[in-house]
Amino acid sequence: MGEARFLSLALANERNRAILTRLPELGLGDCWLVSGSLFQSVWNGLTGRGPVYGIKDYDIFYFDPDMSWESEDRAIAQAHDLFSPLGLEVELRNQARVHLWYEKKFGRAYPPLRSSCEGIDRFLAPACMVGIAPDMSVYAPHGFDDIETMTIRPNRAPNFSAERYVKKAARWKAMWPELTVMPA
C-alpha cells in the first residue's frame, strides 16, 4: 500500500476529513490527526466495514513549547468547542508536555519530545505510527505494510509496555478478527 491508497482509505472516514479541514482553526503548531482513527479507517476499508466502525476517539497531537497546563487546557477547550458540534470524541495533547505526566499515569519514564512526529514514533505498534496534517502531509515512519497486512507487532520504543500492548491488541483483535497479532 502506498501513501495515496492510505490517504484514500483513511479519508473515506468523513470524520477524519472534517477534523483535518477544521484543525487549522485551532492555530496550533505541528498539528496532526494520528493513529487509531487513521489505521482503523484503513482496516475498515480493507475488510468492507463502515468507515467509522470500531473507532472510539480521534487523537490529535500538536507541539507547543509552552508546557503550562493552562495553555494545553485552553487548546483542549478550543478543540472541544470546534469538534463537539460534529459529535466526535477528540483527544488533543501537546506533545511537549507528555513527559510531565506520562510516568505518573503509566508507571514508566518518558523522555521529552521535540516534535509531534517523535510522539507518533512512540506508539505501541508500527501499524499505529501514522499521522496526517491538515495540508495532507503524511507521516508514517514504518510505512504502510503492517496496516495493509493487518499485522500488529510491538514497537520497542523507550515507553513500550507489554501490558498495554496486549490489552490494546486484544481490543483490536476482537473488533477486527482478521488481524495478526505478534507476541509482546
N, C-alpha and C. Protein backbone atom coordinates (compact mmCIF):
# COMPACT_ATOMS: atom_id res chain seq x y z
N MET A 1 0.86 -1.17 0.00
CA MET A 1 0.00 0.00 0.00
C MET A 1 0.90 1.23 0.00
N GLY A 2 0.60 2.13 -0.87
CA GLY A 2 1.33 3.38 -0.92
C GLY A 2 0.58 4.47 -0.16
N GLU A 3 1.22 5.63 -0.13
CA GLU A 3 0.63 6.77 0.58
C GLU A 3 -0.73 7.18 0.01
N ALA A 4 -0.86 7.17 -1.31
CA ALA A 4 -2.12 7.58 -1.93
C ALA A 4 -3.27 6.66 -1.51
N ARG A 5 -3.03 5.37 -1.51
CA ARG A 5 -4.07 4.40 -1.10
C ARG A 5 -4.39 4.57 0.38
N PHE A 6 -3.35 4.76 1.21
CA PHE A 6 -3.57 5.00 2.63
C PHE A 6 -4.46 6.23 2.83
N LEU A 7 -4.12 7.33 2.18
CA LEU A 7 -4.93 8.55 2.31
C LEU A 7 -6.37 8.33 1.85
N SER A 8 -6.53 7.65 0.73
CA SER A 8 -7.87 7.39 0.20
C SER A 8 -8.72 6.63 1.21
N LEU A 9 -8.16 5.58 1.79
CA LEU A 9 -8.93 4.77 2.75
C LEU A 9 -9.13 5.51 4.08
N ALA A 10 -8.12 6.21 4.56
CA ALA A 10 -8.25 6.94 5.82
C ALA A 10 -9.26 8.07 5.69
N LEU A 11 -9.29 8.72 4.53
CA LEU A 11 -10.20 9.84 4.33
C LEU A 11 -11.58 9.42 3.84
N ALA A 12 -11.77 8.10 3.63
CA ALA A 12 -13.12 7.60 3.37
C ALA A 12 -13.98 7.79 4.62
N ASN A 13 -13.31 7.93 5.76
CA ASN A 13 -13.99 8.27 7.02
C ASN A 13 -14.20 9.78 7.01
N GLU A 14 -15.43 10.20 6.79
CA GLU A 14 -15.72 11.63 6.67
C GLU A 14 -15.39 12.40 7.95
N ARG A 15 -15.35 11.71 9.09
CA ARG A 15 -14.97 12.38 10.33
C ARG A 15 -13.50 12.78 10.31
N ASN A 16 -12.66 11.94 9.76
CA ASN A 16 -11.24 12.30 9.60
C ASN A 16 -11.12 13.53 8.71
N ARG A 17 -11.85 13.55 7.61
CA ARG A 17 -11.81 14.70 6.70
C ARG A 17 -12.28 15.97 7.40
N ALA A 18 -13.36 15.87 8.16
CA ALA A 18 -13.89 17.05 8.86
C ALA A 18 -12.89 17.59 9.88
N ILE A 19 -12.24 16.69 10.61
CA ILE A 19 -11.24 17.12 11.59
C ILE A 19 -10.09 17.83 10.89
N LEU A 20 -9.56 17.24 9.84
CA LEU A 20 -8.44 17.83 9.14
C LEU A 20 -8.80 19.18 8.51
N THR A 21 -10.02 19.33 8.06
CA THR A 21 -10.47 20.60 7.50
C THR A 21 -10.53 21.68 8.57
N ARG A 22 -10.96 21.31 9.78
CA ARG A 22 -11.12 22.29 10.86
C ARG A 22 -9.86 22.55 11.68
N LEU A 23 -8.91 21.63 11.67
CA LEU A 23 -7.72 21.77 12.52
C LEU A 23 -7.02 23.12 12.42
N PRO A 24 -6.83 23.70 11.23
CA PRO A 24 -6.13 24.98 11.17
C PRO A 24 -6.80 26.09 12.00
N GLU A 25 -8.10 25.96 12.24
CA GLU A 25 -8.81 26.97 13.03
C GLU A 25 -8.30 27.04 14.47
N LEU A 26 -7.65 25.97 14.94
CA LEU A 26 -7.10 25.97 16.30
C LEU A 26 -5.80 26.78 16.39
N GLY A 27 -5.14 27.01 15.28
CA GLY A 27 -3.92 27.79 15.27
C GLY A 27 -2.76 27.14 16.02
N LEU A 28 -2.73 25.81 16.06
CA LEU A 28 -1.70 25.08 16.79
C LEU A 28 -0.57 24.67 15.85
N GLY A 29 0.65 24.67 16.37
CA GLY A 29 1.80 24.28 15.57
C GLY A 29 2.01 22.78 15.57
N ASP A 30 2.61 22.28 14.49
CA ASP A 30 2.99 20.87 14.37
C ASP A 30 1.81 19.98 14.74
N CYS A 31 0.69 20.20 14.07
CA CYS A 31 -0.58 19.57 14.43
C CYS A 31 -0.91 18.43 13.46
N TRP A 32 -1.29 17.27 14.03
CA TRP A 32 -1.54 16.06 13.26
C TRP A 32 -2.74 15.29 13.82
N LEU A 33 -3.56 14.76 12.95
CA LEU A 33 -4.52 13.72 13.31
C LEU A 33 -3.73 12.43 13.27
N VAL A 34 -3.80 11.63 14.34
CA VAL A 34 -2.88 10.49 14.45
C VAL A 34 -3.60 9.18 14.77
N SER A 35 -2.94 8.12 14.44
CA SER A 35 -3.14 6.75 14.92
C SER A 35 -4.49 6.13 14.63
N GLY A 36 -5.23 5.77 15.67
CA GLY A 36 -6.38 4.88 15.58
C GLY A 36 -7.40 5.23 14.52
N SER A 37 -7.84 6.48 14.48
CA SER A 37 -8.87 6.84 13.51
C SER A 37 -8.36 6.69 12.08
N LEU A 38 -7.06 6.69 11.92
CA LEU A 38 -6.48 6.54 10.58
C LEU A 38 -6.31 5.07 10.21
N PHE A 39 -5.51 4.32 11.00
CA PHE A 39 -5.27 2.92 10.62
C PHE A 39 -6.54 2.09 10.74
N GLN A 40 -7.42 2.42 11.65
CA GLN A 40 -8.67 1.65 11.78
C GLN A 40 -9.62 1.96 10.62
N SER A 41 -9.62 3.19 10.12
CA SER A 41 -10.41 3.50 8.92
C SER A 41 -9.91 2.70 7.73
N VAL A 42 -8.58 2.56 7.63
CA VAL A 42 -8.00 1.75 6.55
C VAL A 42 -8.41 0.29 6.71
N TRP A 43 -8.29 -0.24 7.93
CA TRP A 43 -8.73 -1.62 8.16
C TRP A 43 -10.19 -1.80 7.75
N ASN A 44 -11.02 -0.82 8.08
CA ASN A 44 -12.43 -0.91 7.73
C ASN A 44 -12.62 -0.96 6.22
N GLY A 45 -11.86 -0.15 5.50
CA GLY A 45 -11.93 -0.18 4.05
C GLY A 45 -11.45 -1.51 3.48
N LEU A 46 -10.40 -2.05 4.05
CA LEU A 46 -9.86 -3.32 3.57
C LEU A 46 -10.78 -4.50 3.84
N THR A 47 -11.59 -4.40 4.91
CA THR A 47 -12.45 -5.52 5.30
C THR A 47 -13.93 -5.31 4.96
N GLY A 48 -14.23 -4.20 4.31
CA GLY A 48 -15.61 -3.94 3.90
C GLY A 48 -16.52 -3.46 5.00
N ARG A 49 -15.97 -3.02 6.11
CA ARG A 49 -16.79 -2.47 7.19
C ARG A 49 -17.03 -0.98 6.93
N GLY A 50 -18.01 -0.42 7.64
CA GLY A 50 -18.26 1.02 7.53
C GLY A 50 -17.05 1.80 8.00
N PRO A 51 -16.83 2.99 7.47
CA PRO A 51 -15.61 3.75 7.74
C PRO A 51 -15.36 4.09 9.21
N VAL A 52 -16.40 4.17 10.04
CA VAL A 52 -16.19 4.57 11.44
C VAL A 52 -16.29 3.39 12.41
N TYR A 53 -16.48 2.19 11.89
CA TYR A 53 -16.61 1.01 12.72
C TYR A 53 -15.41 0.89 13.68
N GLY A 54 -15.70 0.68 14.96
CA GLY A 54 -14.68 0.37 15.95
C GLY A 54 -13.83 1.53 16.43
N ILE A 55 -14.03 2.72 15.88
CA ILE A 55 -13.21 3.87 16.25
C ILE A 55 -13.85 4.55 17.46
N LYS A 56 -13.09 4.56 18.58
CA LYS A 56 -13.68 5.12 19.80
C LYS A 56 -13.38 6.60 20.00
N ASP A 57 -12.28 7.09 19.43
CA ASP A 57 -11.99 8.52 19.54
C ASP A 57 -11.02 8.93 18.44
N TYR A 58 -10.77 10.21 18.39
CA TYR A 58 -9.92 10.81 17.36
C TYR A 58 -8.82 11.58 18.06
N ASP A 59 -7.58 11.14 17.88
CA ASP A 59 -6.44 11.73 18.58
C ASP A 59 -5.75 12.78 17.73
N ILE A 60 -5.45 13.90 18.36
CA ILE A 60 -4.74 14.99 17.70
C ILE A 60 -3.52 15.34 18.53
N PHE A 61 -2.38 15.36 17.88
CA PHE A 61 -1.13 15.79 18.51
C PHE A 61 -0.78 17.17 17.99
N TYR A 62 -0.23 17.99 18.87
CA TYR A 62 0.37 19.25 18.45
C TYR A 62 1.59 19.47 19.34
N PHE A 63 2.41 20.41 18.95
CA PHE A 63 3.61 20.69 19.73
C PHE A 63 3.71 22.18 19.98
N ASP A 64 3.67 22.53 21.27
CA ASP A 64 3.78 23.93 21.69
C ASP A 64 4.80 23.98 22.82
N PRO A 65 5.87 24.76 22.66
CA PRO A 65 6.88 24.84 23.72
C PRO A 65 6.35 25.38 25.04
N ASP A 66 5.18 26.03 25.01
CA ASP A 66 4.54 26.46 26.26
C ASP A 66 3.98 25.21 26.92
N MET A 67 4.67 24.70 27.94
CA MET A 67 4.30 23.44 28.58
C MET A 67 3.38 23.64 29.78
N SER A 68 2.79 24.80 29.91
CA SER A 68 1.88 25.01 31.04
C SER A 68 0.58 24.25 30.83
N TRP A 69 0.03 23.79 31.95
CA TRP A 69 -1.27 23.11 31.88
C TRP A 69 -2.32 24.07 31.36
N GLU A 70 -2.22 25.34 31.74
CA GLU A 70 -3.22 26.33 31.33
C GLU A 70 -3.27 26.47 29.81
N SER A 71 -2.10 26.47 29.17
CA SER A 71 -2.05 26.58 27.71
C SER A 71 -2.70 25.37 27.05
N GLU A 72 -2.35 24.17 27.53
CA GLU A 72 -2.94 22.96 26.94
C GLU A 72 -4.43 22.91 27.23
N ASP A 73 -4.83 23.31 28.41
CA ASP A 73 -6.25 23.31 28.78
C ASP A 73 -7.05 24.24 27.86
N ARG A 74 -6.48 25.41 27.54
CA ARG A 74 -7.15 26.32 26.60
C ARG A 74 -7.31 25.66 25.23
N ALA A 75 -6.25 25.00 24.77
CA ALA A 75 -6.30 24.33 23.46
C ALA A 75 -7.34 23.21 23.47
N ILE A 76 -7.40 22.46 24.56
CA ILE A 76 -8.40 21.39 24.69
C ILE A 76 -9.81 21.96 24.65
N ALA A 77 -10.03 23.08 25.35
CA ALA A 77 -11.35 23.72 25.35
C ALA A 77 -11.71 24.22 23.96
N GLN A 78 -10.75 24.81 23.25
CA GLN A 78 -10.99 25.26 21.88
C GLN A 78 -11.35 24.08 20.98
N ALA A 79 -10.62 22.98 21.12
CA ALA A 79 -10.90 21.80 20.31
C ALA A 79 -12.29 21.25 20.62
N HIS A 80 -12.65 21.25 21.89
CA HIS A 80 -13.99 20.79 22.27
C HIS A 80 -15.05 21.64 21.59
N ASP A 81 -14.89 22.95 21.64
CA ASP A 81 -15.86 23.85 21.00
C ASP A 81 -15.92 23.64 19.49
N LEU A 82 -14.77 23.37 18.89
CA LEU A 82 -14.69 23.21 17.44
C LEU A 82 -15.27 21.87 16.97
N PHE A 83 -15.02 20.80 17.74
CA PHE A 83 -15.40 19.47 17.27
C PHE A 83 -16.67 18.90 17.88
N SER A 84 -17.12 19.44 19.01
CA SER A 84 -18.33 18.88 19.64
C SER A 84 -19.57 18.99 18.75
N PRO A 85 -19.71 20.04 17.92
CA PRO A 85 -20.87 20.05 17.01
C PRO A 85 -20.89 18.87 16.04
N LEU A 86 -19.73 18.26 15.83
CA LEU A 86 -19.65 17.09 14.94
C LEU A 86 -20.00 15.80 15.67
N GLY A 87 -20.15 15.88 17.00
CA GLY A 87 -20.47 14.69 17.79
C GLY A 87 -19.30 13.73 17.92
N LEU A 88 -18.07 14.26 17.88
CA LEU A 88 -16.88 13.41 17.92
C LEU A 88 -16.18 13.52 19.26
N GLU A 89 -15.63 12.40 19.72
CA GLU A 89 -14.75 12.42 20.89
C GLU A 89 -13.34 12.63 20.37
N VAL A 90 -12.82 13.82 20.64
CA VAL A 90 -11.49 14.20 20.18
C VAL A 90 -10.59 14.35 21.40
N GLU A 91 -9.41 13.76 21.32
CA GLU A 91 -8.42 13.89 22.39
C GLU A 91 -7.22 14.64 21.84
N LEU A 92 -7.00 15.84 22.36
CA LEU A 92 -5.93 16.72 21.92
C LEU A 92 -4.84 16.74 22.98
N ARG A 93 -3.57 16.56 22.57
CA ARG A 93 -2.47 16.56 23.53
C ARG A 93 -1.26 17.29 22.98
N ASN A 94 -0.71 18.17 23.81
CA ASN A 94 0.54 18.86 23.48
C ASN A 94 1.69 17.90 23.75
N GLN A 95 2.38 17.51 22.72
CA GLN A 95 3.46 16.53 22.85
C GLN A 95 4.66 17.08 23.62
N ALA A 96 4.76 18.38 23.73
CA ALA A 96 5.84 18.98 24.53
C ALA A 96 5.67 18.70 26.02
N ARG A 97 4.44 18.35 26.43
CA ARG A 97 4.14 18.13 27.84
C ARG A 97 4.08 16.67 28.27
N VAL A 98 4.09 15.74 27.36
CA VAL A 98 3.83 14.33 27.69
C VAL A 98 4.76 13.82 28.79
N HIS A 99 6.02 14.17 28.73
CA HIS A 99 6.97 13.67 29.73
C HIS A 99 6.65 14.16 31.14
N LEU A 100 5.84 15.19 31.26
CA LEU A 100 5.49 15.74 32.58
C LEU A 100 4.48 14.87 33.33
N TRP A 101 3.65 14.13 32.60
CA TRP A 101 2.60 13.34 33.26
C TRP A 101 2.65 11.84 32.95
N TYR A 102 3.38 11.44 31.95
CA TYR A 102 3.34 10.06 31.48
C TYR A 102 3.74 9.04 32.55
N GLU A 103 4.82 9.30 33.25
CA GLU A 103 5.30 8.32 34.23
C GLU A 103 4.28 8.11 35.35
N LYS A 104 3.65 9.17 35.80
CA LYS A 104 2.64 9.05 36.85
C LYS A 104 1.44 8.22 36.36
N LYS A 105 1.05 8.42 35.12
CA LYS A 105 -0.12 7.72 34.58
C LYS A 105 0.20 6.27 34.19
N PHE A 106 1.39 6.04 33.59
CA PHE A 106 1.68 4.72 33.04
C PHE A 106 2.83 3.97 33.73
N GLY A 107 3.48 4.61 34.71
CA GLY A 107 4.48 3.92 35.50
C GLY A 107 5.83 3.71 34.85
N ARG A 108 6.12 4.44 33.80
CA ARG A 108 7.45 4.35 33.19
C ARG A 108 7.84 5.72 32.65
N ALA A 109 9.14 5.97 32.68
CA ALA A 109 9.66 7.26 32.24
C ALA A 109 9.36 7.47 30.75
N TYR A 110 9.30 8.72 30.38
CA TYR A 110 9.03 9.10 29.00
C TYR A 110 9.93 10.28 28.65
N PRO A 111 11.00 10.04 27.92
CA PRO A 111 11.91 11.14 27.57
C PRO A 111 11.17 12.26 26.84
N PRO A 112 11.56 13.51 27.07
CA PRO A 112 10.90 14.63 26.39
C PRO A 112 10.96 14.50 24.87
N LEU A 113 9.93 15.02 24.25
CA LEU A 113 9.82 15.02 22.79
C LEU A 113 10.22 16.38 22.24
N ARG A 114 10.62 16.39 20.97
CA ARG A 114 10.96 17.64 20.29
C ARG A 114 9.98 17.97 19.17
N SER A 115 9.02 17.07 18.92
CA SER A 115 8.03 17.30 17.86
C SER A 115 6.87 16.32 18.04
N SER A 116 5.80 16.61 17.35
CA SER A 116 4.67 15.68 17.34
C SER A 116 5.04 14.35 16.69
N CYS A 117 5.86 14.41 15.65
CA CYS A 117 6.25 13.17 14.97
C CYS A 117 7.04 12.25 15.89
N GLU A 118 7.83 12.81 16.80
CA GLU A 118 8.51 11.95 17.78
C GLU A 118 7.49 11.25 18.68
N GLY A 119 6.36 11.88 18.96
CA GLY A 119 5.29 11.23 19.71
C GLY A 119 4.69 10.08 18.93
N ILE A 120 4.49 10.28 17.64
CA ILE A 120 3.98 9.21 16.77
C ILE A 120 4.95 8.03 16.78
N ASP A 121 6.25 8.34 16.79
CA ASP A 121 7.28 7.28 16.80
C ASP A 121 7.17 6.37 18.02
N ARG A 122 6.52 6.81 19.07
CA ARG A 122 6.46 6.03 20.31
C ARG A 122 5.17 5.25 20.50
N PHE A 123 4.32 5.19 19.49
CA PHE A 123 3.12 4.37 19.61
C PHE A 123 3.49 2.91 19.79
N LEU A 124 2.57 2.11 20.32
CA LEU A 124 2.83 0.73 20.70
C LEU A 124 3.18 -0.21 19.55
N ALA A 125 2.72 0.11 18.34
CA ALA A 125 2.94 -0.79 17.21
C ALA A 125 3.18 0.02 15.95
N PRO A 126 4.01 -0.47 15.02
CA PRO A 126 4.23 0.26 13.77
C PRO A 126 2.95 0.57 13.00
N ALA A 127 1.95 -0.30 13.07
CA ALA A 127 0.69 -0.02 12.37
C ALA A 127 -0.01 1.22 12.91
N CYS A 128 0.29 1.58 14.15
CA CYS A 128 -0.32 2.75 14.79
C CYS A 128 0.42 4.04 14.45
N MET A 129 1.61 3.92 13.92
CA MET A 129 2.52 5.05 13.77
C MET A 129 2.26 5.80 12.47
N VAL A 130 1.12 6.50 12.43
CA VAL A 130 0.75 7.29 11.26
C VAL A 130 0.10 8.60 11.71
N GLY A 131 0.29 9.61 10.89
CA GLY A 131 -0.34 10.89 11.13
C GLY A 131 -0.61 11.60 9.82
N ILE A 132 -1.66 12.41 9.81
CA ILE A 132 -1.97 13.24 8.65
C ILE A 132 -2.11 14.67 9.16
N ALA A 133 -1.40 15.60 8.51
CA ALA A 133 -1.51 17.02 8.83
C ALA A 133 -2.62 17.64 7.98
N PRO A 134 -3.10 18.81 8.37
CA PRO A 134 -4.17 19.44 7.60
C PRO A 134 -3.83 19.69 6.13
N ASP A 135 -2.54 19.85 5.80
CA ASP A 135 -2.16 20.04 4.40
C ASP A 135 -2.05 18.72 3.65
N MET A 136 -2.47 17.62 4.29
CA MET A 136 -2.47 16.26 3.75
C MET A 136 -1.08 15.65 3.68
N SER A 137 -0.11 16.24 4.39
CA SER A 137 1.18 15.58 4.56
C SER A 137 0.95 14.34 5.40
N VAL A 138 1.66 13.29 5.09
CA VAL A 138 1.53 12.04 5.83
C VAL A 138 2.87 11.74 6.50
N TYR A 139 2.79 11.32 7.76
CA TYR A 139 3.97 10.83 8.47
C TYR A 139 3.72 9.38 8.81
N ALA A 140 4.57 8.51 8.31
CA ALA A 140 4.46 7.06 8.54
C ALA A 140 5.87 6.49 8.56
N PRO A 141 6.57 6.58 9.71
CA PRO A 141 7.98 6.20 9.75
C PRO A 141 8.27 4.75 9.39
N HIS A 142 7.29 3.87 9.51
CA HIS A 142 7.48 2.47 9.14
C HIS A 142 6.67 2.08 7.92
N GLY A 143 6.15 3.07 7.22
CA GLY A 143 5.38 2.79 6.02
C GLY A 143 4.00 2.24 6.35
N PHE A 144 3.44 1.53 5.39
CA PHE A 144 2.04 1.10 5.49
C PHE A 144 1.86 -0.42 5.43
N ASP A 145 2.96 -1.17 5.37
CA ASP A 145 2.85 -2.62 5.21
C ASP A 145 2.06 -3.28 6.34
N ASP A 146 2.36 -2.93 7.59
CA ASP A 146 1.64 -3.56 8.70
C ASP A 146 0.17 -3.17 8.72
N ILE A 147 -0.16 -1.99 8.26
CA ILE A 147 -1.57 -1.59 8.17
C ILE A 147 -2.25 -2.42 7.10
N GLU A 148 -1.61 -2.51 5.94
CA GLU A 148 -2.21 -3.25 4.82
C GLU A 148 -2.37 -4.73 5.13
N THR A 149 -1.38 -5.33 5.79
CA THR A 149 -1.46 -6.76 6.10
C THR A 149 -2.19 -7.01 7.42
N MET A 150 -2.64 -5.94 8.06
CA MET A 150 -3.37 -6.02 9.33
C MET A 150 -2.56 -6.79 10.36
N THR A 151 -1.30 -6.38 10.49
CA THR A 151 -0.37 -7.01 11.42
C THR A 151 -0.05 -6.05 12.56
N ILE A 152 -0.17 -6.55 13.78
CA ILE A 152 0.20 -5.77 14.96
C ILE A 152 1.45 -6.42 15.54
N ARG A 153 2.51 -5.61 15.62
CA ARG A 153 3.77 -6.08 16.21
C ARG A 153 4.25 -4.98 17.16
N PRO A 154 5.00 -5.35 18.19
CA PRO A 154 5.43 -4.35 19.17
C PRO A 154 6.45 -3.37 18.60
N ASN A 155 6.32 -2.14 19.03
CA ASN A 155 7.31 -1.10 18.76
C ASN A 155 8.11 -0.94 20.05
N ARG A 156 9.35 -1.27 20.01
CA ARG A 156 10.18 -1.26 21.22
C ARG A 156 10.70 0.15 21.55
N ALA A 157 9.82 1.13 21.54
CA ALA A 157 10.17 2.50 21.91
C ALA A 157 10.49 2.55 23.40
N PRO A 158 11.13 3.64 23.85
CA PRO A 158 11.51 3.73 25.27
C PRO A 158 10.34 3.56 26.25
N ASN A 159 9.16 3.88 25.82
CA ASN A 159 7.99 3.79 26.70
C ASN A 159 7.18 2.51 26.50
N PHE A 160 7.70 1.54 25.75
CA PHE A 160 6.92 0.33 25.45
C PHE A 160 6.48 -0.38 26.72
N SER A 161 5.21 -0.79 26.73
CA SER A 161 4.65 -1.56 27.83
C SER A 161 3.98 -2.79 27.25
N ALA A 162 4.49 -3.96 27.58
CA ALA A 162 3.89 -5.20 27.09
C ALA A 162 2.45 -5.32 27.55
N GLU A 163 2.17 -4.90 28.76
CA GLU A 163 0.81 -4.98 29.30
C GLU A 163 -0.16 -4.12 28.47
N ARG A 164 0.21 -2.90 28.17
CA ARG A 164 -0.64 -2.02 27.36
C ARG A 164 -0.77 -2.57 25.94
N TYR A 165 0.33 -3.08 25.40
CA TYR A 165 0.30 -3.66 24.06
C TYR A 165 -0.70 -4.81 23.98
N VAL A 166 -0.62 -5.74 24.93
CA VAL A 166 -1.51 -6.89 24.95
C VAL A 166 -2.97 -6.45 25.08
N LYS A 167 -3.22 -5.49 25.93
CA LYS A 167 -4.60 -5.01 26.15
C LYS A 167 -5.16 -4.35 24.88
N LYS A 168 -4.39 -3.47 24.28
CA LYS A 168 -4.87 -2.80 23.06
C LYS A 168 -5.01 -3.80 21.92
N ALA A 169 -4.04 -4.68 21.75
CA ALA A 169 -4.10 -5.67 20.68
C ALA A 169 -5.32 -6.57 20.82
N ALA A 170 -5.66 -6.92 22.06
CA ALA A 170 -6.84 -7.77 22.30
C ALA A 170 -8.12 -7.03 21.89
N ARG A 171 -8.20 -5.75 22.22
CA ARG A 171 -9.38 -4.96 21.82
C ARG A 171 -9.49 -4.91 20.30
N TRP A 172 -8.36 -4.63 19.63
CA TRP A 172 -8.39 -4.56 18.17
C TRP A 172 -8.73 -5.90 17.55
N LYS A 173 -8.18 -6.98 18.08
CA LYS A 173 -8.45 -8.32 17.54
C LYS A 173 -9.92 -8.69 17.69
N ALA A 174 -10.53 -8.26 18.79
CA ALA A 174 -11.96 -8.51 18.99
C ALA A 174 -12.80 -7.76 17.94
N MET A 175 -12.36 -6.57 17.56
CA MET A 175 -13.10 -5.76 16.59
C MET A 175 -12.80 -6.18 15.15
N TRP A 176 -11.54 -6.52 14.90
CA TRP A 176 -11.07 -6.90 13.57
C TRP A 176 -10.41 -8.28 13.67
N PRO A 177 -11.19 -9.36 13.65
CA PRO A 177 -10.60 -10.69 13.83
C PRO A 177 -9.61 -11.08 12.73
N GLU A 178 -9.56 -10.34 11.65
CA GLU A 178 -8.62 -10.61 10.57
C GLU A 178 -7.18 -10.26 10.96
N LEU A 179 -6.99 -9.55 12.05
CA LEU A 179 -5.67 -9.11 12.47
C LEU A 179 -4.77 -10.29 12.82
N THR A 180 -3.49 -10.11 12.55
CA THR A 180 -2.45 -11.00 13.05
C THR A 180 -1.71 -10.21 14.14
N VAL A 181 -1.71 -10.74 15.34
CA VAL A 181 -1.07 -10.06 16.47
C VAL A 181 0.18 -10.84 16.85
N MET A 182 1.30 -10.16 16.78
CA MET A 182 2.59 -10.75 17.16
C MET A 182 2.74 -10.66 18.68
N PRO A 183 3.43 -11.61 19.31
CA PRO A 183 3.60 -11.58 20.77
C PRO A 183 4.34 -10.32 21.23
N ALA A 184 4.01 -9.91 22.46
CA ALA A 184 4.66 -8.73 23.05
C ALA A 184 6.08 -9.07 23.39
